Amino acid sequence: MKTTIYYFSGTGNSLKVAQDLTKKLGNTELIPITKVIKEYGEILFSSDRIGIVYPVYIWGMSPIVSKFIKKISKTNKVKYCFAVATNHTQVAGSLLILANRLHSRGLKLSAGFSVIMPNSYTLSQKQHSIDNLKPLFAASEKRLNEISLLIENEDECKIERGSLKQRIINTGFIYHSVSLIFPWLDMRFSTDNNCISCGLCEEICPVQNIVLKNGSPVWLHKCEQCFRCINLCPKQSIQYKNKTTGKWRYKNPSIKLDDLINK
């Protein structure tokens, strides 16, 4: 049975999960959501099983995942639909939002899974070494083995969620409030004197939100808040206000830089 997995990834965690599931499931096509947004009109599925892999942002979903769902044709007939939400500590109500929005497109989310991955939110970054993350990677690998078996059997599973408090306050209030200004939060980005005008930030931004002007990056206010530009800057020159200076940067070690260019 053919499976298609659509994914969005900021610094590689969700891409790594999507790649691992592709290997475990077999006969699976992996498609970047960024490509769908740029190249597709209405989305028509050709697979019996559809998966969506994405990172939890501010206890909800990034704008590009919402745009992807809106492009799904209501005429689609899918046998089994599943989702995996990567997050550092709290999935909160993110998968429930996804389920509701898929329902509005005539699709049922048969299973929604939370997978804990390393923190890529630089503002709260406390790690200093990839070696410290090896137990977490091992745990996520074991978790994906369990998830892949459930998907293969097409089991109907309870959609995973956080506590009632997390769903009401973090997702219901904070996410729904902040998501309205998501694109404009890039006004808090800037570069320090370490910038070498290499242009990598412009090249890797998944939504072409960065352009170089007079050798310096300028953000265009359609930001996903994926923090890819901050984390992958070779000189750690891009900062978020004054809150990221000196903070450790993260990219999933299994993902190459080329895998994240416009993906």
C-alpha atoms as a PDB file:
ATOM      1  CA  MET A   1       0.000   0.000   0.000  1.00  0.00           C
ATOM      2  CA  LYS A   2       1.384   3.381  -0.999  1.00  0.00           C
ATOM      3  CA  THR A   3       1.870   6.090   1.611  1.00  0.00           C
ATOM      4  CA  THR A   4       2.589   9.766   1.023  1.00  0.00           C
ATOM      5  CA  ILE A   5       4.088  11.857   3.812  1.00  0.00           C
ATOM      6  CA  TYR A   6       3.975  15.643   3.613  1.00  0.00           C
ATOM      7  CA  TYR A   7       6.369  17.422   5.950  1.00  0.00           C
ATOM      8  CA  PHE A   8       7.565  20.789   7.114  1.00  0.00           C
ATOM      9  CA  SER A   9      10.791  21.181   9.073  1.00  0.00           C
ATOM     10  CA  GLY A  10      12.658  24.168  10.437  1.00  0.00           C
ATOM     11  CA  THR A  11      16.004  22.817  11.619  1.00  0.00           C
ATOM     12  CA  GLY A  12      15.660  19.173  10.645  1.00  0.00           C
ATOM     13  CA  ASN A  13      13.833  17.374  13.456  1.00  0.00           C
ATOM     14  CA  SER A  14      10.587  16.846  11.550  1.00  0.00           C
ATOM     15  CA  LEU A  15      12.478  15.974   8.363  1.00  0.00           C
ATOM     16  CA  LYS A  16      14.434  13.321  10.273  1.00  0.00           C
ATOM     17  CA  VAL A  17      11.192  11.858  11.648  1.00  0.00           C
ATOM     18  CA  ALA A  18       9.604  11.894   8.181  1.00  0.00           C
ATOM     19  CA  GLN A  19      12.660  10.197   6.656  1.00  0.00           C
ATOM     20  CA  ASP A  20      12.692   7.514   9.349  1.00  0.00           C
ATOM     21  CA  LEU A  21       9.001   6.767   8.864  1.00  0.00           C
ATOM     22  CA  THR A  22       9.546   6.564   5.113  1.00  0.00           C
ATOM     23  CA  LYS A  23      12.185   3.881   5.617  1.00  0.00           C
ATOM     24  CA  LYS A  24      10.132   1.941   8.152  1.00  0.00           C
ATOM     25  CA  LEU A  25       6.899   1.971   6.160  1.00  0.00           C
ATOM     26  CA  GLY A  26       8.324   1.306   2.705  1.00  0.00           C
ATOM     27  CA  ASN A  27       6.627   2.314  -0.567  1.00  0.00           C
ATOM     28  CA  THR A  28       6.381   5.859   0.760  1.00  0.00           C
ATOM     29  CA  GLU A  29       6.749   9.165  -1.057  1.00  0.00           C
ATOM     30  CA  LEU A  30       8.124  12.121   0.903  1.00  0.00           C
ATOM     31  CA  ILE A  31       7.004  15.593  -0.198  1.00  0.00           C
ATOM     32  CA  PRO A  32       7.995  18.956   1.348  1.00  0.00           C
ATOM     33  CA  ILE A  33       5.006  21.124   2.226  1.00  0.00           C
ATOM     34  CA  THR A  34       6.976  24.121   0.966  1.00  0.00           C
ATOM     35  CA  LYS A  35       6.998  22.556  -2.511  1.00  0.00           C
ATOM     36  CA  VAL A  36       3.251  21.945  -2.346  1.00  0.00           C
ATOM     37  CA  ILE A  37       2.597  25.570  -1.413  1.00  0.00           C
ATOM     38  CA  LYS A  38       4.736  26.893  -4.283  1.00  0.00           C
ATOM     39  CA  GLU A  39       3.879  24.468  -7.076  1.00  0.00           C
ATOM     40  CA  TYR A  40       0.462  22.923  -6.441  1.00  0.00           C
ATOM     41  CA  GLY A  41      -3.000  24.317  -6.887  1.00  0.00           C
ATOM     42  CA  GLU A  42      -5.688  22.267  -5.228  1.00  0.00           C
ATOM     43  CA  ILE A  43      -4.165  19.166  -3.630  1.00  0.00           C
ATOM     44  CA  LEU A  44      -5.467  15.817  -4.811  1.00  0.00           C
ATOM     45  CA  PHE A  45      -4.160  12.719  -3.048  1.00  0.00           C
ATOM     46  CA  SER A  46      -3.243   9.570  -4.976  1.00  0.00           C
ATOM     47  CA  SER A  47      -2.191   7.418  -2.008  1.00  0.00           C
ATOM     48  CA  ASP A  48      -4.326   5.292   0.288  1.00  0.00           C
ATOM     49  CA  ARG A  49      -2.427   6.532   3.345  1.00  0.00           C
ATOM     50  CA  ILE A  50      -1.554  10.161   3.966  1.00  0.00           C
ATOM     51  CA  GLY A  51       0.776  11.424   6.686  1.00  0.00           C
ATOM     52  CA  ILE A  52       1.630  14.933   7.870  1.00  0.00           C
ATOM     53  CA  VAL A  53       4.802  15.551   9.886  1.00  0.00           C
ATOM     54  CA  TYR A  54       5.397  18.991  11.329  1.00  0.00           C
ATOM     55  CA  PRO A  55       6.876  20.833  14.350  1.00  0.00           C
ATOM     56  CA  VAL A  56       4.776  22.324  17.139  1.00  0.00           C
ATOM     57  CA  TYR A  57       5.207  26.115  17.244  1.00  0.00           C
ATOM     58  CA  ILE A  58       3.891  28.032  20.264  1.00  0.00           C
ATOM     59  CA  TRP A  59       1.724  24.997  21.146  1.00  0.00           C
ATOM     60  CA  GLY A  60       0.021  25.092  17.755  1.00  0.00           C
ATOM     61  CA  MET A  61       0.985  24.920  14.075  1.00  0.00           C
ATOM     62  CA  SER A  62       3.059  27.112  11.813  1.00  0.00           C
ATOM     63  CA  PRO A  63       1.205  29.173   9.193  1.00  0.00           C
ATOM     64  CA  ILE A  64       2.540  27.087   6.304  1.00  0.00           C
ATOM     65  CA  VAL A  65       0.905  23.912   7.649  1.00  0.00           C
ATOM     66  CA  SER A  66      -2.404  25.763   7.884  1.00  0.00           C
ATOM     67  CA  LYS A  67      -1.973  26.971   4.283  1.00  0.00           C
ATOM     68  CA  PHE A  68      -1.256  23.411   3.189  1.00  0.00           C
ATOM     69  CA  ILE A  69      -4.481  22.112   4.732  1.00  0.00           C
ATOM     70  CA  LYS A  70      -6.521  24.853   3.057  1.00  0.00           C
ATOM     71  CA  LYS A  71      -5.237  23.679  -0.347  1.00  0.00           C
ATOM     72  CA  ILE A  72      -6.482  20.097   0.181  1.00  0.00           C
ATOM     73  CA  SER A  73      -9.389  19.267  -2.110  1.00  0.00           C
ATOM     74  CA  LYS A  74     -12.610  18.323  -0.370  1.00  0.00           C
ATOM     75  CA  THR A  75     -13.080  15.585  -2.954  1.00  0.00           C
ATOM     76  CA  ASN A  76     -10.219  13.474  -1.565  1.00  0.00           C
ATOM     77  CA  LYS A  77     -11.014   9.979  -0.337  1.00  0.00           C
ATOM     78  CA  VAL A  78      -8.282   8.724   1.980  1.00  0.00           C
ATOM     79  CA  LYS A  79      -8.326   5.332   3.683  1.00  0.00           C
ATOM     80  CA  TYR A  80      -6.027   6.310   6.545  1.00  0.00           C
ATOM     81  CA  CYS A  81      -4.663   9.685   7.625  1.00  0.00           C
ATOM     82  CA  PHE A  82      -2.061  10.153  10.354  1.00  0.00           C
ATOM     83  CA  ALA A  83       0.092  12.954  11.720  1.00  0.00           C
ATOM     84  CA  VAL A  84       3.254  13.288  13.777  1.00  0.00           C
ATOM     85  CA  ALA A  85       3.938  16.499  15.697  1.00  0.00           C
ATOM     86  CA  THR A  86       7.531  16.948  16.833  1.00  0.00           C
ATOM     87  CA  ASN A  87       8.017  19.023  19.965  1.00  0.00           C
ATOM     88  CA  HIS A  88      10.455  19.625  22.785  1.00  0.00           C
ATOM     89  CA  THR A  89       8.153  19.117  25.782  1.00  0.00           C
ATOM     90  CA  GLN A  90       4.495  19.895  25.005  1.00  0.00           C
ATOM     91  CA  VAL A  91       2.289  18.899  22.111  1.00  0.00           C
ATOM     92  CA  ALA A  92      -0.585  20.676  23.924  1.00  0.00           C
ATOM     93  CA  GLY A  93      -3.585  20.950  21.571  1.00  0.00           C
ATOM     94  CA  SER A  94      -1.655  21.117  18.313  1.00  0.00           C
ATOM     95  CA  LEU A  95      -2.829  17.772  16.908  1.00  0.00           C
ATOM     96  CA  LEU A  96      -6.428  18.559  17.862  1.00  0.00           C
ATOM     97  CA  ILE A  97      -6.235  21.756  15.791  1.00  0.00           C
ATOM     98  CA  LEU A  98      -4.880  19.719  12.900  1.00  0.00           C
ATOM     99  CA  ALA A  99      -7.681  17.165  13.255  1.00  0.00           C
ATOM    100  CA  ASN A 100     -10.330  19.888  13.221  1.00  0.00           C
ATOM    101  CA  ARG A 101      -8.888  21.578  10.151  1.00  0.00           C
ATOM    102  CA  LEU A 102      -8.580  18.289   8.288  1.00  0.00           C
ATOM    103  CA  HIS A 103     -12.202  17.573   9.199  1.00  0.00           C
ATOM    104  CA  SER A 104     -13.160  20.853   7.517  1.00  0.00           C
ATOM    105  CA  ARG A 105     -11.618  19.405   4.339  1.00  0.00           C
ATOM    106  CA  GLY A 106     -13.595  16.191   4.662  1.00  0.00           C
ATOM    107  CA  LEU A 107     -10.753  14.102   6.136  1.00  0.00           C
ATOM    108  CA  LYS A 108     -10.566  12.162   9.378  1.00  0.00           C
ATOM    109  CA  LEU A 109      -7.309  12.109  11.344  1.00  0.00           C
ATOM    110  CA  SER A 110      -7.168   8.446  12.348  1.00  0.00           C
ATOM    111  CA  ALA A 111      -4.047   8.826  14.495  1.00  0.00           C
ATOM    112  CA  GLY A 112      -2.044  11.757  15.828  1.00  0.00           C
ATOM    113  CA  PHE A 113       1.306  11.151  17.510  1.00  0.00           C
ATOM    114  CA  SER A 114       3.630  13.327  19.570  1.00  0.00           C
ATOM    115  CA  VAL A 115       7.380  12.720  19.249  1.00  0.00           C
ATOM    116  CA  ILE A 116       9.812  14.450  21.579  1.00  0.00           C
ATOM    117  CA  MET A 117      12.842  15.901  19.814  1.00  0.00           C
ATOM    118  CA  PRO A 118      15.616  18.353  20.784  1.00  0.00           C
ATOM    119  CA  ASN A 119      14.823  22.000  21.376  1.00  0.00           C
ATOM    120  CA  SER A 120      15.387  24.257  18.365  1.00  0.00           C
ATOM    121  CA  TYR A 121      13.870  27.374  19.934  1.00  0.00           C
ATOM    122  CA  THR A 122      17.053  29.355  20.482  1.00  0.00           C
ATOM    123  CA  LEU A 123      15.528  31.705  23.047  1.00  0.00           C
ATOM    124  CA  SER A 124      15.129  28.870  25.545  1.00  0.00           C
ATOM    125  CA  GLN A 125      18.145  26.834  24.443  1.00  0.00           C
ATOM    126  CA  LYS A 126      20.073  25.240  27.309  1.00  0.00           C
ATOM    127  CA  GLN A 127      21.974  22.506  25.466  1.00  0.00           C
ATOM    128  CA  HIS A 128      25.648  22.873  24.619  1.00  0.00           C
ATOM    129  CA  SER A 129      26.515  19.585  22.911  1.00  0.00           C
ATOM    130  CA  ILE A 130      24.955  17.120  20.479  1.00  0.00           C
ATOM    131  CA  ASP A 131      26.427  14.301  22.583  1.00  0.00           C
ATOM    132  CA  ASN A 132      24.048  15.209  25.417  1.00  0.00           C
ATOM    133  CA  LEU A 133      21.125  14.549  23.099  1.00  0.00           C
ATOM    134  CA  LYS A 134      21.965  10.928  22.227  1.00  0.00           C
ATOM    135  CA  PRO A 135      19.510   9.442  24.795  1.00  0.00           C
ATOM    136  CA  LEU A 136      16.728  11.606  23.365  1.00  0.00           C
ATOM    137  CA  PHE A 137      17.489  10.476  19.806  1.00  0.00           C
ATOM    138  CA  ALA A 138      17.483   6.840  20.963  1.00  0.00           C
ATOM    139  CA  ALA A 139      14.101   7.330  22.651  1.00  0.00           C
ATOM    140  CA  SER A 140      12.624   8.941  19.531  1.00  0.00           C
ATOM    141  CA  GLU A 141      13.865   6.035  17.398  1.00  0.00           C
ATOM    142  CA  LYS A 142      12.118   3.560  19.702  1.00  0.00           C
ATOM    143  CA  ARG A 143       8.992   5.684  19.617  1.00  0.00           C
ATOM    144  CA  LEU A 144       8.976   5.743  15.806  1.00  0.00           C
ATOM    145  CA  ASN A 145       9.237   1.948  15.716  1.00  0.00           C
ATOM    146  CA  GLU A 146       6.021   1.806  17.737  1.00  0.00           C
ATOM    147  CA  ILE A 147       4.314   4.448  15.604  1.00  0.00           C
ATOM    148  CA  SER A 148       5.250   2.777  12.313  1.00  0.00           C
ATOM    149  CA  LEU A 149       3.640  -0.488  13.436  1.00  0.00           C
ATOM    150  CA  LEU A 150       0.414   1.322  14.301  1.00  0.00           C
ATOM    151  CA  ILE A 151       0.419   3.024  10.909  1.00  0.00           C
ATOM    152  CA  GLU A 152       1.108  -0.226   9.063  1.00  0.00           C
ATOM    153  CA  ASN A 153      -1.866  -1.815  10.834  1.00  0.00           C
ATOM    154  CA  GLU A 154      -3.914   1.340  10.166  1.00  0.00           C
ATOM    155  CA  ASP A 155      -4.950   1.420  13.807  1.00  0.00           C
ATOM    156  CA  GLU A 156      -7.414   4.052  14.948  1.00  0.00           C
ATOM    157  CA  CYS A 157      -5.621   5.790  17.825  1.00  0.00           C
ATOM    158  CA  LYS A 158      -6.608   8.504  20.242  1.00  0.00           C
ATOM    159  CA  ILE A 159      -5.132  11.780  19.079  1.00  0.00           C
ATOM    160  CA  GLU A 160      -2.353  12.638  21.504  1.00  0.00           C
ATOM    161  CA  ARG A 161      -2.712  15.834  23.481  1.00  0.00           C
ATOM    162  CA  GLY A 162      -1.374  17.691  26.469  1.00  0.00           C
ATOM    163  CA  SER A 163      -3.154  18.432  29.722  1.00  0.00           C
ATOM    164  CA  LEU A 164      -6.417  20.372  29.806  1.00  0.00           C
ATOM    165  CA  LYS A 165      -4.515  23.389  31.137  1.00  0.00           C
ATOM    166  CA  GLN A 166      -2.026  23.236  28.254  1.00  0.00           C
ATOM    167  CA  ARG A 167      -4.817  22.948  25.713  1.00  0.00           C
ATOM    168  CA  ILE A 168      -6.868  25.820  27.122  1.00  0.00           C
ATOM    169  CA  ILE A 169      -4.121  28.291  28.065  1.00  0.00           C
ATOM    170  CA  ASN A 170      -1.160  27.438  25.822  1.00  0.00           C
ATOM    171  CA  THR A 171      -3.015  26.451  22.647  1.00  0.00           C
ATOM    172  CA  GLY A 172      -6.433  28.021  23.136  1.00  0.00           C
ATOM    173  CA  PHE A 173      -5.238  31.408  24.335  1.00  0.00           C
ATOM    174  CA  ILE A 174      -1.515  31.983  23.689  1.00  0.00           C
ATOM    175  CA  TYR A 175      -1.237  30.237  20.304  1.00  0.00           C
ATOM    176  CA  HIS A 176      -4.455  31.660  18.881  1.00  0.00           C
ATOM    177  CA  SER A 177      -3.411  35.154  19.991  1.00  0.00           C
ATOM    178  CA  VAL A 178       0.223  35.044  18.865  1.00  0.00           C
ATOM    179  CA  SER A 179      -0.524  33.256  15.568  1.00  0.00           C
ATOM    180  CA  LEU A 180      -2.264  36.413  14.363  1.00  0.00           C
ATOM    181  CA  ILE A 181       1.044  38.290  14.439  1.00  0.00           C
ATOM    182  CA  PHE A 182       3.320  35.374  13.461  1.00  0.00           C
ATOM    183  CA  PRO A 183       4.498  36.926  10.166  1.00  0.00           C
ATOM    184  CA  TRP A 184       5.453  40.192  11.857  1.00  0.00           C
ATOM    185  CA  LEU A 185       7.522  38.703  14.655  1.00  0.00           C
ATOM    186  CA  ASP A 186      10.521  38.835  12.317  1.00  0.00           C
ATOM    187  CA  MET A 187      10.811  42.529  13.237  1.00  0.00           C
ATOM    188  CA  ARG A 188      12.704  41.217  16.265  1.00  0.00           C
ATOM    189  CA  PHE A 189      15.445  39.700  14.079  1.00  0.00           C
ATOM    190  CA  SER A 190      18.696  41.527  13.424  1.00  0.00           C
ATOM    191  CA  THR A 191      22.346  40.840  12.658  1.00  0.00           C
ATOM    192  CA  ASP A 192      25.391  41.777  14.694  1.00  0.00           C
ATOM    193  CA  ASN A 193      28.869  42.719  13.516  1.00  0.00           C
ATOM    194  CA  ASN A 194      29.766  39.086  12.799  1.00  0.00           C
ATOM    195  CA  CYS A 195      27.641  39.033   9.621  1.00  0.00           C
ATOM    196  CA  ILE A 196      29.784  38.219   6.536  1.00  0.00           C
ATOM    197  CA  SER A 197      27.006  38.793   3.963  1.00  0.00           C
ATOM    198  CA  CYS A 198      27.204  35.157   2.837  1.00  0.00           C
ATOM    199  CA  GLY A 199      23.515  35.075   1.866  1.00  0.00           C
ATOM    200  CA  LEU A 200      22.858  31.647   3.392  1.00  0.00           C
ATOM    201  CA  CYS A 201      19.898  32.963   5.377  1.00  0.00           C
ATOM    202  CA  GLU A 202      18.257  34.136   2.144  1.00  0.00           C
ATOM    203  CA  GLU A 203      18.911  30.767   0.512  1.00  0.00           C
ATOM    204  CA  ILE A 204      17.561  28.571   3.307  1.00  0.00           C
ATOM    205  CA  CYS A 205      14.441  30.501   4.344  1.00  0.00           C
ATOM    206  CA  PRO A 206      11.544  28.120   3.578  1.00  0.00           C
ATOM    207  CA  VAL A 207       9.183  30.926   2.570  1.00  0.00           C
ATOM    208  CA  GLN A 208      11.627  33.348   0.892  1.00  0.00           C
ATOM    209  CA  ASN A 209      11.143  35.817   3.714  1.00  0.00           C
ATOM    210  CA  ILE A 210      14.751  37.087   3.650  1.00  0.00           C
ATOM    211  CA  VAL A 211      16.566  39.164   1.041  1.00  0.00           C
ATOM    212  CA  LEU A 212      20.018  40.697   1.174  1.00  0.00           C
ATOM    213  CA  LYS A 213      20.113  44.465   0.794  1.00  0.00           C
ATOM    214  CA  ASN A 214      23.465  46.244   0.899  1.00  0.00           C
ATOM    215  CA  GLY A 215      24.981  43.016   2.213  1.00  0.00           C
ATOM    216  CA  SER A 216      22.608  42.638   5.150  1.00  0.00           C
ATOM    217  CA  PRO A 217      19.542  40.414   5.531  1.00  0.00           C
ATOM    218  CA  VAL A 218      16.130  42.076   5.546  1.00  0.00           C
ATOM    219  CA  TRP A 219      13.023  40.227   6.724  1.00  0.00           C
ATOM    220  CA  LEU A 220       9.805  40.694   4.716  1.00  0.00           C
ATOM    221  CA  HIS A 221       7.153  39.971   7.363  1.00  0.00           C
ATOM    222  CA  LYS A 222       5.884  36.610   6.175  1.00  0.00           C
ATOM    223  CA  CYS A 223       7.875  34.671   8.775  1.00  0.00           C
ATOM    224  CA  GLU A 224       7.159  31.093   9.903  1.00  0.00           C
ATOM    225  CA  GLN A 225       9.158  31.529  13.133  1.00  0.00           C
ATOM    226  CA  CYS A 226      11.041  28.327  12.320  1.00  0.00           C
ATOM    227  CA  PHE A 227      14.320  29.931  13.487  1.00  0.00           C
ATOM    228  CA  ARG A 228      16.184  28.246  10.639  1.00  0.00           C
ATOM    229  CA  CYS A 229      18.018  31.468   9.822  1.00  0.00           C
ATOM    230  CA  ILE A 230      19.155  31.913  13.425  1.00  0.00           C
ATOM    231  CA  ASN A 231      20.221  28.325  13.967  1.00  0.00           C
ATOM    232  CA  LEU A 232      22.040  27.817  10.668  1.00  0.00           C
ATOM    233  CA  CYS A 233      23.868  31.134  10.393  1.00  0.00           C
ATOM    234  CA  PRO A 234      27.553  30.104  10.088  1.00  0.00           C
ATOM    235  CA  LYS A 235      28.720  33.042  12.210  1.00  0.00           C
ATOM    236  CA  GLN A 236      25.807  33.017  14.679  1.00  0.00           C
ATOM    237  CA  SER A 237      25.264  36.592  13.598  1.00  0.00           C
ATOM    238  CA  ILE A 238      21.454  36.589  13.457  1.00  0.00           C
ATOM    239  CA  GLN A 239      19.861  37.447  16.783  1.00  0.00           C
ATOM    240  CA  TYR A 240      16.350  37.665  18.200  1.00  0.00           C
ATOM    241  CA  LYS A 241      16.326  40.999  20.031  1.00  0.00           C
ATOM    242  CA  ASN A 242      18.947  40.603  22.766  1.00  0.00           C
ATOM    243  CA  LYS A 243      17.815  37.143  23.835  1.00  0.00           C
ATOM    244  CA  THR A 244      19.915  34.824  21.680  1.00  0.00           C
ATOM    245  CA  THR A 245      23.433  36.232  21.900  1.00  0.00           C
ATOM    246  CA  GLY A 246      25.755  33.474  23.037  1.00  0.00           C
ATOM    247  CA  LYS A 247      23.004  30.823  22.951  1.00  0.00           C
ATOM    248  CA  TRP A 248      23.810  27.423  21.414  1.00  0.00           C
ATOM    249  CA  ARG A 249      22.489  26.875  17.883  1.00  0.00           C
ATOM    250  CA  TYR A 250      20.883  23.607  16.802  1.00  0.00           C
ATOM    251  CA  LYS A 251      20.472  21.608  13.602  1.00  0.00           C
ATOM    252  CA  ASN A 252      19.492  17.948  13.607  1.00  0.00           C
ATOM    253  CA  PRO A 253      22.850  16.162  13.174  1.00  0.00           C
ATOM    254  CA  SER A 254      21.399  13.585  10.756  1.00  0.00           C
ATOM    255  CA  ILE A 255      20.216  16.256   8.331  1.00  0.00           C
ATOM    256  CA  LYS A 256      22.579  17.908   5.863  1.00  0.00           C
ATOM    257  CA  LEU A 257      22.454  21.615   5.173  1.00  0.00           C
ATOM    258  CA  ASP A 258      21.519  20.912   1.540  1.00  0.00           C
ATOM    259  CA  ASP A 259      18.440  19.031   2.765  1.00  0.00           C
ATOM    260  CA  LEU A 260      17.116  22.248   4.290  1.00  0.00           C
ATOM    261  CA  ILE A 261      17.661  24.605   1.387  1.00  0.00           C
ATOM    262  CA  ASN A 262      14.178  25.733   0.365  1.00  0.00           C
ATOM    263  CA  LYS A 263      12.658  22.609   1.960  1.00  0.00           C
END
